[in-house]
Amino acid sequence: MEGLNTEILEEICSVEMPFGKYKGTILADLPINYLEWFQRQGMPKGKLGMQLSTIYEIKLNGLMDLLTPLRAKRPTAKVKKTVFKFGNEG
């Protein structure tokens, strides 16, 4: 990606959704149906709207491979482990 300003792409791979159903999800990991909903309803104003519009276009056009090198730089997110306890367990 030499010669290309990758700042917006780097942000998409590191910034979390600040509100809503997918609060805390990295923008690049948002499902396409959620992005389509924003596209129909209207993207938020400002930088977040630009970021969501960008990832929407990337996903819509099958260009997620553009983000692979940037995502590789990111430290791996910790996986939340869910433990279920049932009434008969101590």
Protein backbone atom coordinates (compact mmCIF):
# COMPACT_ATOMS: atom_id res chain seq x y z
CA MET A 1 0.00 0.00 0.00
CA GLU A 2 2.93 2.25 -0.66
CA GLY A 3 1.89 5.78 -1.64
CA LEU A 4 -1.60 5.22 -0.26
CA ASN A 5 -2.72 7.05 2.88
CA THR A 6 -3.66 4.13 5.08
CA GLU A 7 -4.76 6.16 8.13
CA ILE A 8 -8.49 5.61 7.55
CA LEU A 9 -7.93 1.89 6.90
CA GLU A 10 -5.81 1.56 10.06
CA GLU A 11 -8.55 3.25 12.07
CA ILE A 12 -11.20 0.89 10.68
CA CYS A 13 -9.07 -2.00 11.94
CA SER A 14 -8.62 -0.60 15.44
CA VAL A 15 -11.56 1.66 16.34
CA GLU A 16 -14.50 0.11 18.18
CA MET A 17 -18.15 0.86 17.51
CA PRO A 18 -19.04 3.35 20.26
CA PHE A 19 -22.77 2.56 20.59
CA GLY A 20 -25.63 0.28 19.64
CA LYS A 21 -26.04 -3.45 19.26
CA TYR A 22 -22.38 -3.93 18.29
CA LYS A 23 -20.83 -1.54 20.82
CA GLY A 24 -17.21 -2.54 21.40
CA THR A 25 -16.87 -4.37 18.05
CA ILE A 26 -13.99 -3.32 15.79
CA LEU A 27 -15.48 -1.47 12.80
CA ALA A 28 -13.90 -3.92 10.32
CA ASP A 29 -15.70 -6.76 12.13
CA LEU A 30 -19.20 -5.28 11.89
CA PRO A 31 -21.59 -7.50 9.93
CA ILE A 32 -22.61 -6.28 6.48
CA ASN A 33 -26.32 -6.31 7.40
CA TYR A 34 -25.64 -3.77 10.17
CA LEU A 35 -23.72 -1.57 7.71
CA GLU A 36 -26.55 -1.93 5.18
CA TRP A 37 -29.00 -0.77 7.83
CA PHE A 38 -26.91 2.36 8.42
CA GLN A 39 -26.69 2.90 4.67
CA ARG A 40 -30.50 2.86 4.43
CA GLN A 41 -31.17 4.91 7.60
CA GLY A 42 -28.31 7.34 7.15
CA MET A 43 -24.75 7.09 8.38
CA PRO A 44 -23.79 8.98 11.53
CA LYS A 45 -22.30 12.43 11.02
CA GLY A 46 -18.57 13.09 11.19
CA LYS A 47 -15.61 10.76 11.27
CA LEU A 48 -17.54 7.68 12.41
CA GLY A 49 -19.91 8.04 9.46
CA MET A 50 -16.94 8.24 7.10
CA GLN A 51 -15.37 5.15 8.68
CA LEU A 52 -18.63 3.16 8.50
CA SER A 53 -19.19 4.24 4.87
CA THR A 54 -15.66 3.14 4.01
CA ILE A 55 -15.94 -0.31 5.59
CA TYR A 56 -19.37 -0.71 3.99
CA GLU A 57 -17.90 -0.07 0.52
CA ILE A 58 -14.94 -2.36 1.24
CA LYS A 59 -17.22 -5.24 2.28
CA LEU A 60 -19.79 -4.59 -0.46
CA ASN A 61 -17.08 -4.78 -3.13
CA GLY A 62 -15.28 -7.81 -1.68
CA LEU A 63 -12.12 -5.87 -0.81
CA MET A 64 -11.52 -7.12 2.74
CA ASP A 65 -8.12 -8.45 1.60
CA LEU A 66 -6.97 -4.81 1.58
CA LEU A 67 -7.16 -4.86 5.36
CA THR A 68 -5.26 -8.13 5.91
CA PRO A 69 -1.80 -6.53 6.36
CA LEU A 70 -3.23 -3.89 8.69
CA ARG A 71 -5.14 -6.42 10.77
CA ALA A 72 -2.00 -8.54 11.12
CA LYS A 73 -0.30 -5.60 12.90
CA ARG A 74 -3.09 -5.45 15.48
CA PRO A 75 -2.61 -7.44 18.67
CA THR A 76 -5.06 -10.30 18.85
CA ALA A 77 -8.12 -9.47 20.91
CA LYS A 78 -8.71 -11.54 24.00
CA VAL A 79 -11.51 -14.03 23.53
CA LYS A 80 -14.17 -13.83 26.20
CA LYS A 81 -14.64 -17.18 27.83
CA THR A 82 -18.16 -17.99 29.00
CA VAL A 83 -18.60 -20.46 31.82
CA PHE A 84 -22.03 -21.97 32.40
CA LYS A 85 -22.91 -23.33 35.82
CA PHE A 86 -25.90 -25.53 36.33
CA GLY A 87 -27.87 -26.09 39.53
CA ASN A 88 -26.33 -29.51 40.28
CA GLU A 89 -22.72 -28.27 40.03
CA GLY A 90 -20.79 -27.01 43.01
